[in-house]
N, C-alpha and C. Protein backbone atom coordinates (compact mmCIF):
# COMPACT_ATOMS: atom_id res chain seq x y z
N MET A 1 73.17 101.36 97.61
CA MET A 1 73.79 100.45 97.23
C MET A 1 74.67 101.42 95.80
N LYS A 2 73.65 101.56 95.39
CA LYS A 2 74.16 102.78 93.60
C LYS A 2 75.35 103.41 94.01
N ILE A 3 75.80 104.00 94.79
CA ILE A 3 76.69 105.31 95.49
C ILE A 3 77.92 104.27 95.69
N TRP A 4 77.76 102.91 96.18
CA TRP A 4 78.59 102.22 96.44
C TRP A 4 79.33 100.86 95.38
N PHE A 5 78.58 101.05 94.37
CA PHE A 5 79.02 99.68 93.60
C PHE A 5 80.42 99.71 92.78
N TRP A 6 80.59 101.14 92.05
CA TRP A 6 81.87 101.25 91.76
C TRP A 6 83.20 101.52 92.48
N PRO A 7 83.05 102.25 93.88
CA PRO A 7 84.30 101.88 94.50
C PRO A 7 84.51 100.96 95.07
N ILE A 8 83.37 99.92 95.04
CA ILE A 8 83.47 98.63 95.27
C ILE A 8 84.51 97.68 94.51
N VAL A 9 83.70 97.97 93.35
CA VAL A 9 84.34 97.17 91.94
C VAL A 9 85.92 97.66 92.09
N LEU A 10 86.25 98.75 92.33
CA LEU A 10 87.50 98.96 92.09
C LEU A 10 88.10 98.76 93.34
N GLY A 11 87.34 98.62 94.44
CA GLY A 11 88.53 97.77 95.50
C GLY A 11 88.73 96.29 95.30
N LEU A 12 87.74 95.81 94.90
CA LEU A 12 88.24 94.30 94.33
C LEU A 12 89.22 94.20 93.44
N LEU A 13 89.17 95.36 92.49
CA LEU A 13 89.95 94.78 91.21
C LEU A 13 91.34 94.72 91.55
N SER A 14 91.52 95.96 92.41
CA SER A 14 92.95 96.75 93.38
C SER A 14 93.45 95.38 94.14
N ALA A 15 92.65 94.24 94.61
CA ALA A 15 92.97 93.41 95.48
C ALA A 15 93.08 92.21 94.65
N ALA A 16 92.55 91.76 93.75
CA ALA A 16 92.78 90.94 92.75
C ALA A 16 94.32 91.05 91.93
N ALA A 17 94.44 92.45 91.48
CA ALA A 17 95.83 92.69 91.09
C ALA A 17 96.68 92.45 91.92
N LEU A 18 96.82 92.79 93.19
CA LEU A 18 97.37 92.51 94.29
C LEU A 18 97.81 91.11 94.20
N LEU A 19 97.13 90.12 94.56
CA LEU A 19 97.19 88.68 94.50
C LEU A 19 97.94 88.41 92.90
N VAL A 20 97.28 88.54 91.89
CA VAL A 20 97.63 88.10 90.46
C VAL A 20 99.53 88.74 90.73
N GLY A 21 99.84 89.72 90.83
CA GLY A 21 100.89 90.16 91.00
C GLY A 21 101.91 89.32 91.90
N LEU A 22 101.15 88.41 93.34
CA LEU A 22 101.90 88.12 93.82
C LEU A 22 102.00 86.23 93.79
N LEU A 23 101.44 85.97 92.91
CA LEU A 23 101.22 84.70 92.82
C LEU A 23 101.71 84.26 91.40
N PHE A 24 101.81 85.15 90.23
CA PHE A 24 102.19 84.78 89.14
C PHE A 24 103.01 85.37 88.23
N ASP A 25 103.82 85.14 87.66
CA ASP A 25 104.71 85.72 87.07
C ASP A 25 104.73 85.97 85.84
N ASN A 26 105.83 86.38 84.96
CA ASN A 26 105.68 86.85 83.35
C ASN A 26 104.56 87.54 83.17
N ALA A 27 103.74 87.06 81.76
CA ALA A 27 102.91 88.60 81.55
C ALA A 27 101.71 88.73 82.42
N TRP A 28 102.26 87.64 83.47
CA TRP A 28 100.64 88.43 84.69
C TRP A 28 101.43 89.57 85.27
N ASP A 29 102.39 89.98 85.42
CA ASP A 29 103.00 90.86 86.19
C ASP A 29 102.41 91.96 85.38
N GLU A 30 102.40 92.39 84.27
CA GLU A 30 101.90 93.23 83.16
C GLU A 30 100.33 93.53 83.36
N VAL A 31 99.64 92.00 83.54
CA VAL A 31 98.05 92.30 83.75
C VAL A 31 97.87 92.81 85.07
N ALA A 32 98.57 92.40 86.05
CA ALA A 32 98.41 93.25 87.70
C ALA A 32 98.50 94.81 87.38
N THR A 33 99.79 94.84 86.87
CA THR A 33 99.99 96.68 86.84
C THR A 33 99.07 97.12 86.09
N LEU A 34 98.33 96.89 84.80
CA LEU A 34 97.15 97.51 84.26
C LEU A 34 95.95 97.36 85.30
N MET A 35 95.97 96.12 85.82
CA MET A 35 94.99 96.45 86.86
C MET A 35 94.79 97.28 87.87
N LEU A 36 96.08 97.84 88.54
CA LEU A 36 96.49 98.44 89.23
C LEU A 36 96.53 99.88 88.76
N ALA A 37 96.73 100.19 87.65
CA ALA A 37 96.54 101.47 87.08
C ALA A 37 95.32 102.20 86.61
N LEU A 38 94.46 101.13 86.59
CA LEU A 38 93.09 101.53 86.21
C LEU A 38 92.13 102.52 87.45
N PRO A 39 92.33 102.08 89.00
CA PRO A 39 92.20 102.97 90.07
C PRO A 39 92.70 104.23 89.90
N VAL A 40 93.95 103.87 89.70
CA VAL A 40 94.72 105.41 89.52
C VAL A 40 94.33 106.32 88.63
N GLY A 41 93.59 105.76 87.70
CA GLY A 41 93.41 106.73 86.16
C GLY A 41 91.93 107.32 86.51
N VAL A 42 91.33 106.11 87.16
CA VAL A 42 89.77 106.65 87.30
C VAL A 42 89.96 107.93 88.34
N ALA A 43 90.92 107.86 89.08
CA ALA A 43 91.10 109.04 90.07
C ALA A 43 91.57 110.12 89.62
N LEU A 44 92.48 109.94 88.73
CA LEU A 44 92.85 111.20 87.91
C LEU A 44 91.86 111.80 87.11
N TRP A 45 91.06 110.60 86.46
CA TRP A 45 89.94 111.35 85.75
C TRP A 45 88.77 112.20 86.26
N PHE A 46 88.60 111.61 87.74
CA PHE A 46 87.40 112.17 88.32
C PHE A 46 87.97 113.50 89.11
N GLY A 47 89.24 113.23 89.41
CA GLY A 47 89.86 114.19 90.25
C GLY A 47 90.10 115.67 89.87
N TRP A 48 91.13 115.38 88.51
CA TRP A 48 91.86 116.81 88.07
C TRP A 48 91.26 116.85 86.65
N TYR A 49 90.76 115.82 85.67
CA TYR A 49 90.28 116.34 84.53
C TYR A 49 88.79 116.75 84.10
N ARG A 50 88.29 116.41 85.25
CA ARG A 50 86.60 116.72 85.57
C ARG A 50 86.48 117.99 86.26
N ARG A 51 87.55 119.07 86.37
CA ARG A 51 87.45 120.19 87.00
C ARG A 51 86.77 121.40 86.56
């Protein structure tokens, strides 16, 4: 379970961001963008910068 914790958290965060982006407007769109940018940032960090 330890190895699956962070991928599950990032997946749930992405799903929540998509729902927030679809259901709410204005400032919530920026919140959804930041929530969707976090998994991308994590992937860049572990895939590119940690080489």
